[in-house]
Amino acid sequence: MRQNLRKSAPKLATKAEENIPEGLAAFSFPEASRLRLRTSNMCETLNSQIKRHTHIVDLFPNESWLLHLVTGVIIEISKEWEAGKI
């Protein structure tokens, strides 16, 4: 199969061979982490939580306050993730 790909798409075959180690890097993580990383659900959950918390406030006095709120949300979600609740 590799030879067929090299004949029909040599640039693709070269790129694939060069990037295989990076593509398989996720397998070096512990199994519990790999299971969470296989989908984009964690990113979607994080974005929805940030949106939910920032939408409630409506008006932020300054950028620093917004950053403080979002950082708190991220820390809370990180602790839940580490504890296996998510």
PDB file of N, CA and C in Angstrom:
ATOM      1  N   MET A   1       0.815  -1.191   0.000  1.00  0.00           N
ATOM      2  CA  MET A   1       0.000   0.000   0.000  1.00  0.00           C
ATOM      3  C   MET A   1       0.861   1.258   0.000  1.00  0.00           C
ATOM      4  N   ARG A   2       1.956   1.250   0.768  1.00  0.00           N
ATOM      5  CA  ARG A   2       2.822   2.406   0.834  1.00  0.00           C
ATOM      6  C   ARG A   2       3.386   2.744  -0.540  1.00  0.00           C
ATOM      7  N   GLN A   3       3.768   1.713  -1.303  1.00  0.00           N
ATOM      8  CA  GLN A   3       4.317   1.948  -2.637  1.00  0.00           C
ATOM      9  C   GLN A   3       3.261   2.535  -3.568  1.00  0.00           C
ATOM     10  N   ASN A   4       2.015   2.069  -3.435  1.00  0.00           N
ATOM     11  CA  ASN A   4       0.938   2.620  -4.256  1.00  0.00           C
ATOM     12  C   ASN A   4       0.735   4.097  -3.960  1.00  0.00           C
ATOM     13  N   LEU A   5       0.760   4.460  -2.682  1.00  0.00           N
ATOM     14  CA  LEU A   5       0.599   5.859  -2.299  1.00  0.00           C
ATOM     15  C   LEU A   5       1.779   6.685  -2.787  1.00  0.00           C
ATOM     16  N   ARG A   6       2.965   6.140  -2.676  1.00  0.00           N
ATOM     17  CA  ARG A   6       4.158   6.866  -3.115  1.00  0.00           C
ATOM     18  C   ARG A   6       4.097   7.137  -4.625  1.00  0.00           C
ATOM     19  N   LYS A   7       3.533   6.207  -5.382  1.00  0.00           N
ATOM     20  CA  LYS A   7       3.420   6.405  -6.832  1.00  0.00           C
ATOM     21  C   LYS A   7       2.333   7.413  -7.180  1.00  0.00           C
ATOM     22  N   SER A   8       1.177   7.295  -6.530  1.00  0.00           N
ATOM     23  CA  SER A   8       0.055   8.158  -6.897  1.00  0.00           C
ATOM     24  C   SER A   8       0.098   9.528  -6.230  1.00  0.00           C
ATOM     25  N   ALA A   9       0.677   9.633  -5.033  1.00  0.00           N
ATOM     26  CA  ALA A   9       0.728  10.913  -4.318  1.00  0.00           C
ATOM     27  C   ALA A   9       2.031  10.999  -3.528  1.00  0.00           C
ATOM     28  N   PRO A  10       3.133  11.239  -4.212  1.00  0.00           N
ATOM     29  CA  PRO A  10       4.430  11.217  -3.538  1.00  0.00           C
ATOM     30  C   PRO A  10       4.574  12.274  -2.432  1.00  0.00           C
ATOM     31  N   LYS A  11       4.033  13.461  -2.648  1.00  0.00           N
ATOM     32  CA  LYS A  11       4.142  14.495  -1.614  1.00  0.00           C
ATOM     33  C   LYS A  11       3.361  14.109  -0.356  1.00  0.00           C
ATOM     34  N   LEU A  12       2.176  13.552  -0.562  1.00  0.00           N
ATOM     35  CA  LEU A  12       1.361  13.109   0.566  1.00  0.00           C
ATOM     36  C   LEU A  12       2.067  11.992   1.326  1.00  0.00           C
ATOM     37  N   ALA A  13       2.646  11.059   0.617  1.00  0.00           N
ATOM     38  CA  ALA A  13       3.347   9.946   1.261  1.00  0.00           C
ATOM     39  C   ALA A  13       4.521  10.458   2.091  1.00  0.00           C
ATOM     40  N   THR A  14       5.260  11.399   1.561  1.00  0.00           N
ATOM     41  CA  THR A  14       6.402  11.965   2.283  1.00  0.00           C
ATOM     42  C   THR A  14       5.932  12.687   3.542  1.00  0.00           C
ATOM     43  N   LYS A  15       4.908  13.522   3.406  1.00  0.00           N
ATOM     44  CA  LYS A  15       4.370  14.254   4.562  1.00  0.00           C
ATOM     45  C   LYS A  15       3.858  13.287   5.631  1.00  0.00           C
ATOM     46  N   ALA A  16       3.158  12.252   5.213  1.00  0.00           N
ATOM     47  CA  ALA A  16       2.623  11.282   6.163  1.00  0.00           C
ATOM     48  C   ALA A  16       3.759  10.600   6.931  1.00  0.00           C
ATOM     49  N   GLU A  17       4.800  10.193   6.246  1.00  0.00           N
ATOM     50  CA  GLU A  17       5.920   9.527   6.903  1.00  0.00           C
ATOM     51  C   GLU A  17       6.655  10.470   7.853  1.00  0.00           C
ATOM     52  N   GLU A  18       6.777  11.737   7.485  1.00  0.00           N
ATOM     53  CA  GLU A  18       7.468  12.708   8.342  1.00  0.00           C
ATOM     54  C   GLU A  18       6.671  13.007   9.609  1.00  0.00           C
ATOM     55  N   ASN A  19       5.354  12.961   9.518  1.00  0.00           N
ATOM     56  CA  ASN A  19       4.511  13.403  10.635  1.00  0.00           C
ATOM     57  C   ASN A  19       3.880  12.270  11.440  1.00  0.00           C
ATOM     58  N   ILE A  20       4.206  11.044  11.129  1.00  0.00           N
ATOM     59  CA  ILE A  20       3.632   9.922  11.883  1.00  0.00           C
ATOM     60  C   ILE A  20       3.968  10.013  13.375  1.00  0.00           C
ATOM     61  N   PRO A  21       5.209  10.318  13.767  1.00  0.00           N
ATOM     62  CA  PRO A  21       5.488  10.404  15.217  1.00  0.00           C
ATOM     63  C   PRO A  21       4.622  11.445  15.929  1.00  0.00           C
ATOM     64  N   GLU A  22       4.412  12.599  15.307  1.00  0.00           N
ATOM     65  CA  GLU A  22       3.572  13.628  15.918  1.00  0.00           C
ATOM     66  C   GLU A  22       2.113  13.183  15.979  1.00  0.00           C
ATOM     67  N   GLY A  23       1.682  12.476  14.971  1.00  0.00           N
ATOM     68  CA  GLY A  23       0.310  11.999  14.940  1.00  0.00           C
ATOM     69  C   GLY A  23       0.028  10.939  15.990  1.00  0.00           C
ATOM     70  N   LEU A  24       1.053  10.225  16.375  1.00  0.00           N
ATOM     71  CA  LEU A  24       0.893   9.163  17.374  1.00  0.00           C
ATOM     72  C   LEU A  24       1.276   9.610  18.778  1.00  0.00           C
ATOM     73  N   ALA A  25       1.603  10.885  18.946  1.00  0.00           N
ATOM     74  CA  ALA A  25       2.042  11.396  20.249  1.00  0.00           C
ATOM     75  C   ALA A  25       0.986  11.211  21.327  1.00  0.00           C
ATOM     76  N   ALA A  26      -0.271  11.252  20.963  1.00  0.00           N
ATOM     77  CA  ALA A  26      -1.346  11.090  21.957  1.00  0.00           C
ATOM     78  C   ALA A  26      -1.273   9.737  22.650  1.00  0.00           C
ATOM     79  N   PHE A  27      -0.691   8.741  21.998  1.00  0.00           N
ATOM     80  CA  PHE A  27      -0.605   7.414  22.600  1.00  0.00           C
ATOM     81  C   PHE A  27       0.416   7.348  23.738  1.00  0.00           C
ATOM     82  N   SER A  28       1.215   8.394  23.900  1.00  0.00           N
ATOM     83  CA  SER A  28       2.159   8.417  25.015  1.00  0.00           C
ATOM     84  C   SER A  28       1.500   8.888  26.309  1.00  0.00           C
ATOM     85  N   PHE A  29       0.277   9.427  26.222  1.00  0.00           N
ATOM     86  CA  PHE A  29      -0.457   9.858  27.411  1.00  0.00           C
ATOM     87  C   PHE A  29      -1.080   8.659  28.108  1.00  0.00           C
ATOM     88  N   PRO A  30      -1.395   8.806  29.397  1.00  0.00           N
ATOM     89  CA  PRO A  30      -2.102   7.726  30.098  1.00  0.00           C
ATOM     90  C   PRO A  30      -3.448   7.445  29.428  1.00  0.00           C
ATOM     91  N   GLU A  31      -3.913   6.223  29.568  1.00  0.00           N
ATOM     92  CA  GLU A  31      -5.140   5.814  28.873  1.00  0.00           C
ATOM     93  C   GLU A  31      -6.336   6.691  29.232  1.00  0.00           C
ATOM     94  N   ALA A  32      -6.456   7.088  30.497  1.00  0.00           N
ATOM     95  CA  ALA A  32      -7.591   7.923  30.910  1.00  0.00           C
ATOM     96  C   ALA A  32      -7.579   9.255  30.157  1.00  0.00           C
ATOM     97  N   SER A  33      -6.418   9.820  29.961  1.00  0.00           N
ATOM     98  CA  SER A  33      -6.316  11.086  29.221  1.00  0.00           C
ATOM     99  C   SER A  33      -6.601  10.878  27.739  1.00  0.00           C
ATOM    100  N   ARG A  34      -6.110   9.775  27.195  1.00  0.00           N
ATOM    101  CA  ARG A  34      -6.338   9.509  25.766  1.00  0.00           C
ATOM    102  C   ARG A  34      -7.820   9.404  25.454  1.00  0.00           C
ATOM    103  N   LEU A  35      -8.574   8.775  26.342  1.00  0.00           N
ATOM    104  CA  LEU A  35     -10.003   8.617  26.101  1.00  0.00           C
ATOM    105  C   LEU A  35     -10.701   9.969  26.049  1.00  0.00           C
ATOM    106  N   ARG A  36     -10.241  10.911  26.845  1.00  0.00           N
ATOM    107  CA  ARG A  36     -10.840  12.242  26.835  1.00  0.00           C
ATOM    108  C   ARG A  36     -10.401  13.060  25.625  1.00  0.00           C
ATOM    109  N   LEU A  37      -9.227  12.801  25.123  1.00  0.00           N
ATOM    110  CA  LEU A  37      -8.677  13.595  24.015  1.00  0.00           C
ATOM    111  C   LEU A  37      -9.171  13.138  22.644  1.00  0.00           C
ATOM    112  N   ARG A  38      -9.825  12.010  22.569  1.00  0.00           N
ATOM    113  CA  ARG A  38     -10.180  11.474  21.254  1.00  0.00           C
ATOM    114  C   ARG A  38     -11.297  12.254  20.573  1.00  0.00           C
ATOM    115  N   THR A  39     -12.021  13.078  21.319  1.00  0.00           N
ATOM    116  CA  THR A  39     -13.064  13.904  20.719  1.00  0.00           C
ATOM    117  C   THR A  39     -12.844  15.354  21.110  1.00  0.00           C
ATOM    118  N   SER A  40     -13.613  16.236  20.530  1.00  0.00           N
ATOM    119  CA  SER A  40     -13.508  17.656  20.860  1.00  0.00           C
ATOM    120  C   SER A  40     -14.508  18.045  21.945  1.00  0.00           C
ATOM    121  N   ASN A  41     -15.102  17.062  22.611  1.00  0.00           N
ATOM    122  CA  ASN A  41     -16.109  17.359  23.632  1.00  0.00           C
ATOM    123  C   ASN A  41     -15.567  18.233  24.751  1.00  0.00           C
ATOM    124  N   MET A  42     -14.324  18.013  25.156  1.00  0.00           N
ATOM    125  CA  MET A  42     -13.748  18.809  26.236  1.00  0.00           C
ATOM    126  C   MET A  42     -13.658  20.279  25.831  1.00  0.00           C
ATOM    127  N   CYS A  43     -13.220  20.550  24.621  1.00  0.00           N
ATOM    128  CA  CYS A  43     -13.139  21.936  24.148  1.00  0.00           C
ATOM    129  C   CYS A  43     -14.522  22.561  24.055  1.00  0.00           C
ATOM    130  N   GLU A  44     -15.471  21.817  23.570  1.00  0.00           N
ATOM    131  CA  GLU A  44     -16.838  22.326  23.453  1.00  0.00           C
ATOM    132  C   GLU A  44     -17.431  22.603  24.834  1.00  0.00           C
ATOM    133  N   THR A  45     -17.171  21.723  25.795  1.00  0.00           N
ATOM    134  CA  THR A  45     -17.655  21.927  27.152  1.00  0.00           C
ATOM    135  C   THR A  45     -17.017  23.163  27.765  1.00  0.00           C
ATOM    136  N   LEU A  46     -15.719  23.302  27.590  1.00  0.00           N
ATOM    137  CA  LEU A  46     -15.007  24.467  28.126  1.00  0.00           C
ATOM    138  C   LEU A  46     -15.571  25.757  27.538  1.00  0.00           C
ATOM    139  N   ASN A  47     -15.722  25.795  26.228  1.00  0.00           N
ATOM    140  CA  ASN A  47     -16.251  27.003  25.587  1.00  0.00           C
ATOM    141  C   ASN A  47     -17.663  27.322  26.054  1.00  0.00           C
ATOM    142  N   SER A  48     -18.504  26.314  26.202  1.00  0.00           N
ATOM    143  CA  SER A  48     -19.880  26.571  26.642  1.00  0.00           C
ATOM    144  C   SER A  48     -19.915  27.055  28.089  1.00  0.00           C
ATOM    145  N   GLN A  49     -19.032  26.520  28.945  1.00  0.00           N
ATOM    146  CA  GLN A  49     -18.983  26.974  30.338  1.00  0.00           C
ATOM    147  C   GLN A  49     -18.506  28.425  30.431  1.00  0.00           C
ATOM    148  N   ILE A  50     -17.495  28.766  29.659  1.00  0.00           N
ATOM    149  CA  ILE A  50     -17.008  30.152  29.648  1.00  0.00           C
ATOM    150  C   ILE A  50     -18.113  31.086  29.152  1.00  0.00           C
ATOM    151  N   LYS A  51     -18.784  30.687  28.088  1.00  0.00           N
ATOM    152  CA  LYS A  51     -19.864  31.506  27.539  1.00  0.00           C
ATOM    153  C   LYS A  51     -20.985  31.676  28.571  1.00  0.00           C
ATOM    154  N   ARG A  52     -21.334  30.591  29.252  1.00  0.00           N
ATOM    155  CA  ARG A  52     -22.411  30.638  30.242  1.00  0.00           C
ATOM    156  C   ARG A  52     -22.065  31.584  31.385  1.00  0.00           C
ATOM    157  N   HIS A  53     -20.833  31.495  31.897  1.00  0.00           N
ATOM    158  CA  HIS A  53     -20.435  32.341  33.018  1.00  0.00           C
ATOM    159  C   HIS A  53     -20.271  33.804  32.613  1.00  0.00           C
ATOM    160  N   THR A  54     -19.761  34.065  31.435  1.00  0.00           N
ATOM    161  CA  THR A  54     -19.568  35.456  31.014  1.00  0.00           C
ATOM    162  C   THR A  54     -20.875  36.094  30.566  1.00  0.00           C
ATOM    163  N   HIS A  55     -21.813  35.292  30.085  1.00  0.00           N
ATOM    164  CA  HIS A  55     -23.105  35.822  29.640  1.00  0.00           C
ATOM    165  C   HIS A  55     -23.930  36.326  30.823  1.00  0.00           C
ATOM    166  N   ILE A  56     -23.784  35.666  31.970  1.00  0.00           N
ATOM    167  CA  ILE A  56     -24.529  36.047  33.167  1.00  0.00           C
ATOM    168  C   ILE A  56     -24.144  37.456  33.613  1.00  0.00           C
ATOM    169  N   VAL A  57     -22.877  37.790  33.499  1.00  0.00           N
ATOM    170  CA  VAL A  57     -22.373  39.059  34.011  1.00  0.00           C
ATOM    171  C   VAL A  57     -22.739  40.229  33.105  1.00  0.00           C
ATOM    172  N   ASP A  58     -22.765  40.043  31.812  1.00  0.00           N
ATOM    173  CA  ASP A  58     -23.109  41.067  30.805  1.00  0.00           C
ATOM    174  C   ASP A  58     -22.088  42.189  30.669  1.00  0.00           C
ATOM    175  N   LEU A  59     -21.759  42.866  31.731  1.00  0.00           N
ATOM    176  CA  LEU A  59     -20.881  44.029  31.629  1.00  0.00           C
ATOM    177  C   LEU A  59     -19.672  43.835  32.537  1.00  0.00           C
ATOM    178  N   PHE A  60     -18.486  43.915  31.956  1.00  0.00           N
ATOM    179  CA  PHE A  60     -17.265  43.749  32.717  1.00  0.00           C
ATOM    180  C   PHE A  60     -16.626  45.115  32.933  1.00  0.00           C
ATOM    181  N   PRO A  61     -16.218  45.423  34.168  1.00  0.00           N
ATOM    182  CA  PRO A  61     -15.604  46.729  34.430  1.00  0.00           C
ATOM    183  C   PRO A  61     -14.310  46.942  33.644  1.00  0.00           C
ATOM    184  N   ASN A  62     -13.544  45.868  33.457  1.00  0.00           N
ATOM    185  CA  ASN A  62     -12.308  45.980  32.676  1.00  0.00           C
ATOM    186  C   ASN A  62     -11.863  44.592  32.215  1.00  0.00           C
ATOM    187  N   GLU A  63     -10.860  44.571  31.379  1.00  0.00           N
ATOM    188  CA  GLU A  63     -10.369  43.305  30.807  1.00  0.00           C
ATOM    189  C   GLU A  63      -9.786  42.394  31.882  1.00  0.00           C
ATOM    190  N   SER A  64      -9.161  42.991  32.891  1.00  0.00           N
ATOM    191  CA  SER A  64      -8.557  42.206  33.968  1.00  0.00           C
ATOM    192  C   SER A  64      -9.619  41.412  34.723  1.00  0.00           C
ATOM    193  N   TRP A  65     -10.770  42.013  34.948  1.00  0.00           N
ATOM    194  CA  TRP A  65     -11.854  41.335  35.653  1.00  0.00           C
ATOM    195  C   TRP A  65     -12.365  40.154  34.845  1.00  0.00           C
ATOM    196  N   LEU A  66     -12.515  40.354  33.546  1.00  0.00           N
ATOM    197  CA  LEU A  66     -12.949  39.277  32.653  1.00  0.00           C
ATOM    198  C   LEU A  66     -11.947  38.126  32.679  1.00  0.00           C
ATOM    199  N   LEU A  67     -10.667  38.459  32.594  1.00  0.00           N
ATOM    200  CA  LEU A  67      -9.618  37.439  32.627  1.00  0.00           C
ATOM    201  C   LEU A  67      -9.662  36.668  33.949  1.00  0.00           C
ATOM    202  N   HIS A  68      -9.892  37.360  35.045  1.00  0.00           N
ATOM    203  CA  HIS A  68      -9.982  36.713  36.356  1.00  0.00           C
ATOM    204  C   HIS A  68     -11.153  35.728  36.392  1.00  0.00           C
ATOM    205  N   LEU A  69     -12.304  36.124  35.878  1.00  0.00           N
ATOM    206  CA  LEU A  69     -13.479  35.254  35.860  1.00  0.00           C
ATOM    207  C   LEU A  69     -13.244  34.012  35.002  1.00  0.00           C
ATOM    208  N   VAL A  70     -12.729  34.209  33.806  1.00  0.00           N
ATOM    209  CA  VAL A  70     -12.504  33.086  32.888  1.00  0.00           C
ATOM    210  C   VAL A  70     -11.442  32.139  33.440  1.00  0.00           C
ATOM    211  N   THR A  71     -10.410  32.685  34.061  1.00  0.00           N
ATOM    212  CA  THR A  71      -9.372  31.847  34.671  1.00  0.00           C
ATOM    213  C   THR A  71      -9.971  30.983  35.774  1.00  0.00           C
ATOM    214  N   GLY A  72     -10.848  31.556  36.579  1.00  0.00           N
ATOM    215  CA  GLY A  72     -11.516  30.788  37.633  1.00  0.00           C
ATOM    216  C   GLY A  72     -12.352  29.647  37.075  1.00  0.00           C
ATOM    217  N   VAL A  73     -13.066  29.918  35.986  1.00  0.00           N
ATOM    218  CA  VAL A  73     -13.878  28.872  35.345  1.00  0.00           C
ATOM    219  C   VAL A  73     -12.980  27.751  34.836  1.00  0.00           C
ATOM    220  N   ILE A  74     -11.884  28.108  34.216  1.00  0.00           N
ATOM    221  CA  ILE A  74     -10.966  27.104  33.670  1.00  0.00           C
ATOM    222  C   ILE A  74     -10.345  26.269  34.794  1.00  0.00           C
ATOM    223  N   ILE A  75      -9.976  26.900  35.893  1.00  0.00           N
ATOM    224  CA  ILE A  75      -9.401  26.163  37.022  1.00  0.00           C
ATOM    225  C   ILE A  75     -10.420  25.187  37.596  1.00  0.00           C
ATOM    226  N   GLU A  76     -11.666  25.644  37.731  1.00  0.00           N
ATOM    227  CA  GLU A  76     -12.724  24.771  38.256  1.00  0.00           C
ATOM    228  C   GLU A  76     -12.940  23.555  37.352  1.00  0.00           C
ATOM    229  N   ILE A  77     -12.991  23.777  36.058  1.00  0.00           N
ATOM    230  CA  ILE A  77     -13.179  22.674  35.114  1.00  0.00           C
ATOM    231  C   ILE A  77     -11.972  21.744  35.123  1.00  0.00           C
ATOM    232  N   SER A  78     -10.777  22.306  35.257  1.00  0.00           N
ATOM    233  CA  SER A  78      -9.565  21.493  35.308  1.00  0.00           C
ATOM    234  C   SER A  78      -9.580  20.570  36.524  1.00  0.00           C
ATOM    235  N   LYS A  79     -10.010  21.093  37.671  1.00  0.00           N
ATOM    236  CA  LYS A  79     -10.073  20.256  38.875  1.00  0.00           C
ATOM    237  C   LYS A  79     -11.086  19.130  38.705  1.00  0.00           C
ATOM    238  N   GLU A  80     -12.224  19.433  38.094  1.00  0.00           N
ATOM    239  CA  GLU A  80     -13.224  18.390  37.847  1.00  0.00           C
ATOM    240  C   GLU A  80     -12.682  17.343  36.880  1.00  0.00           C
ATOM    241  N   TRP A  81     -11.956  17.789  35.869  1.00  0.00           N
ATOM    242  CA  TRP A  81     -11.378  16.872  34.886  1.00  0.00           C
ATOM    243  C   TRP A  81     -10.365  15.949  35.546  1.00  0.00           C
ATOM    244  N   GLU A  82      -9.513  16.541  36.397  1.00  0.00           N
ATOM    245  CA  GLU A  82      -8.492  15.740  37.089  1.00  0.00           C
ATOM    246  C   GLU A  82      -9.115  14.737  38.051  1.00  0.00           C
ATOM    247  N   ALA A  83     -10.247  15.109  38.651  1.00  0.00           N
ATOM    248  CA  ALA A  83     -10.913  14.217  39.596  1.00  0.00           C
ATOM    249  C   ALA A  83     -11.755  13.163  38.888  1.00  0.00           C
ATOM    250  N   GLY A  84     -11.889  13.299  37.573  1.00  0.00           N
ATOM    251  CA  GLY A  84     -12.647  12.314  36.801  1.00  0.00           C
ATOM    252  C   GLY A  84     -14.135  12.555  36.801  1.00  0.00           C
ATOM    253  N   LYS A  85     -14.563  13.747  37.181  1.00  0.00           N
ATOM    254  CA  LYS A  85     -16.002  14.047  37.221  1.00  0.00           C
ATOM    255  C   LYS A  85     -16.560  14.372  35.850  1.00  0.00           C
ATOM    256  N   ILE A  86     -15.702  14.783  34.957  1.00  0.00           N
ATOM    257  CA  ILE A  86     -16.160  15.128  33.593  1.00  0.00           C
ATOM    258  C   ILE A  86     -15.749  14.019  32.666  1.00  0.00           C
TER     259      ILE A  86
END
